[in-house]
Amino acid sequence: MMGYYDLVLGLIPLALAGITGSLVVAGMALTTAIPLASLVSVFLIGHAMFVRTPTTPTHGQEAGGYRSAD
């Protein structure tokens, strides 16, 4: 099952490559497109680290965040 952090890890290179390519095709210089695309990746990393912080499972929760059925 794919979780939030798996999605973030997949979106980081996708954002770098996709946004950079789109900006270059739109006519922007490569030396400008790469830093702009990296800002999106930094935002994704920052959101995963500081907004939706990784937490340790508490009593009654499994690693996936779901409660056990017992």
C-alpha atoms as a PDB file:
ATOM      1  CA  MET A   1       0.000   0.000   0.000  1.00  0.00           C
ATOM      2  CA  MET A   2       1.355   3.398  -0.957  1.00  0.00           C
ATOM      3  CA  GLY A   3       1.562   5.932   1.840  1.00  0.00           C
ATOM      4  CA  TYR A   4       2.046   9.678   1.942  1.00  0.00           C
ATOM      5  CA  TYR A   5       5.826   9.503   2.184  1.00  0.00           C
ATOM      6  CA  ASP A   6       6.048   7.079  -0.737  1.00  0.00           C
ATOM      7  CA  LEU A   7       4.101   9.605  -2.789  1.00  0.00           C
ATOM      8  CA  VAL A   8       6.411  12.433  -1.729  1.00  0.00           C
ATOM      9  CA  LEU A   9       9.493  10.395  -2.661  1.00  0.00           C
ATOM     10  CA  GLY A  10       8.024   9.761  -6.101  1.00  0.00           C
ATOM     11  CA  LEU A  11       6.982  13.366  -6.652  1.00  0.00           C
ATOM     12  CA  ILE A  12      10.394  14.871  -5.897  1.00  0.00           C
ATOM     13  CA  PRO A  13      12.170  13.677  -9.087  1.00  0.00           C
ATOM     14  CA  LEU A  14       8.947  13.988 -11.075  1.00  0.00           C
ATOM     15  CA  ALA A  15       8.651  17.637 -10.078  1.00  0.00           C
ATOM     16  CA  LEU A  16      12.308  18.331 -10.842  1.00  0.00           C
ATOM     17  CA  ALA A  17      12.233  16.717 -14.268  1.00  0.00           C
ATOM     18  CA  GLY A  18       8.693  17.636 -15.279  1.00  0.00           C
ATOM     19  CA  ILE A  19       8.715  21.279 -14.250  1.00  0.00           C
ATOM     20  CA  THR A  20      12.230  21.842 -15.577  1.00  0.00           C
ATOM     21  CA  GLY A  21      11.287  20.306 -18.915  1.00  0.00           C
ATOM     22  CA  SER A  22       8.065  22.296 -19.124  1.00  0.00           C
ATOM     23  CA  LEU A  23       9.820  25.567 -18.374  1.00  0.00           C
ATOM     24  CA  VAL A  24      12.574  24.873 -20.917  1.00  0.00           C
ATOM     25  CA  VAL A  25      10.005  24.018 -23.597  1.00  0.00           C
ATOM     26  CA  ALA A  26       8.160  27.239 -22.712  1.00  0.00           C
ATOM     27  CA  GLY A  27      11.341  29.180 -23.531  1.00  0.00           C
ATOM     28  CA  MET A  28      12.993  29.707 -20.171  1.00  0.00           C
ATOM     29  CA  ALA A  29      16.740  29.184 -19.849  1.00  0.00           C
ATOM     30  CA  LEU A  30      17.835  25.903 -18.283  1.00  0.00           C
ATOM     31  CA  THR A  31      19.876  27.736 -15.649  1.00  0.00           C
ATOM     32  CA  THR A  32      16.682  29.458 -14.503  1.00  0.00           C
ATOM     33  CA  ALA A  33      14.305  26.509 -14.897  1.00  0.00           C
ATOM     34  CA  ILE A  34      16.260  24.133 -12.654  1.00  0.00           C
ATOM     35  CA  PRO A  35      16.262  26.400  -9.563  1.00  0.00           C
ATOM     36  CA  LEU A  36      12.572  27.176 -10.015  1.00  0.00           C
ATOM     37  CA  ALA A  37      11.698  23.490 -10.262  1.00  0.00           C
ATOM     38  CA  SER A  38      13.857  22.717  -7.245  1.00  0.00           C
ATOM     39  CA  LEU A  39      11.765  25.127  -5.171  1.00  0.00           C
ATOM     40  CA  VAL A  40       8.778  22.838  -5.703  1.00  0.00           C
ATOM     41  CA  SER A  41      10.834  19.848  -4.572  1.00  0.00           C
ATOM     42  CA  VAL A  42      12.027  21.742  -1.508  1.00  0.00           C
ATOM     43  CA  PHE A  43       8.396  22.597  -0.726  1.00  0.00           C
ATOM     44  CA  LEU A  44       7.449  18.902  -0.964  1.00  0.00           C
ATOM     45  CA  ILE A  45      10.296  17.897   1.344  1.00  0.00           C
ATOM     46  CA  GLY A  46       9.481  20.682   3.800  1.00  0.00           C
ATOM     47  CA  HIS A  47       5.814  19.719   3.867  1.00  0.00           C
ATOM     48  CA  ALA A  48       6.673  16.083   4.545  1.00  0.00           C
ATOM     49  CA  MET A  49       9.136  16.988   7.305  1.00  0.00           C
ATOM     50  CA  PHE A  50       7.467  19.874   9.102  1.00  0.00           C
ATOM     51  CA  VAL A  51       3.745  19.987   8.255  1.00  0.00           C
ATOM     52  CA  ARG A  52       2.916  16.266   8.136  1.00  0.00           C
ATOM     53  CA  THR A  53       5.619  15.181  10.495  1.00  0.00           C
ATOM     54  CA  PRO A  54       6.522  11.519  10.745  1.00  0.00           C
ATOM     55  CA  THR A  55       5.250  10.146  14.030  1.00  0.00           C
ATOM     56  CA  THR A  56       5.981   7.008  15.933  1.00  0.00           C
ATOM     57  CA  PRO A  57       3.072   4.636  16.453  1.00  0.00           C
ATOM     58  CA  THR A  58       1.382   5.037  19.832  1.00  0.00           C
ATOM     59  CA  HIS A  59      -0.139   2.280  21.905  1.00  0.00           C
ATOM     60  CA  GLY A  60      -2.936   0.657  19.927  1.00  0.00           C
ATOM     61  CA  GLN A  61      -1.659   1.766  16.517  1.00  0.00           C
ATOM     62  CA  GLU A  62       0.274  -0.212  13.977  1.00  0.00           C
ATOM     63  CA  ALA A  63       2.972   1.233  11.722  1.00  0.00           C
ATOM     64  CA  GLY A  64       0.399   2.110   9.051  1.00  0.00           C
ATOM     65  CA  GLY A  65      -1.591   4.259  11.426  1.00  0.00           C
ATOM     66  CA  TYR A  66      -4.535   1.857  11.635  1.00  0.00           C
ATOM     67  CA  ARG A  67      -5.899   0.505  14.872  1.00  0.00           C
ATOM     68  CA  SER A  68      -5.810  -3.214  15.402  1.00  0.00           C
ATOM     69  CA  ALA A  69      -9.085  -5.120  15.314  1.00  0.00           C
ATOM     70  CA  ASP A  70      -8.732  -6.660  18.801  1.00  0.00           C
END
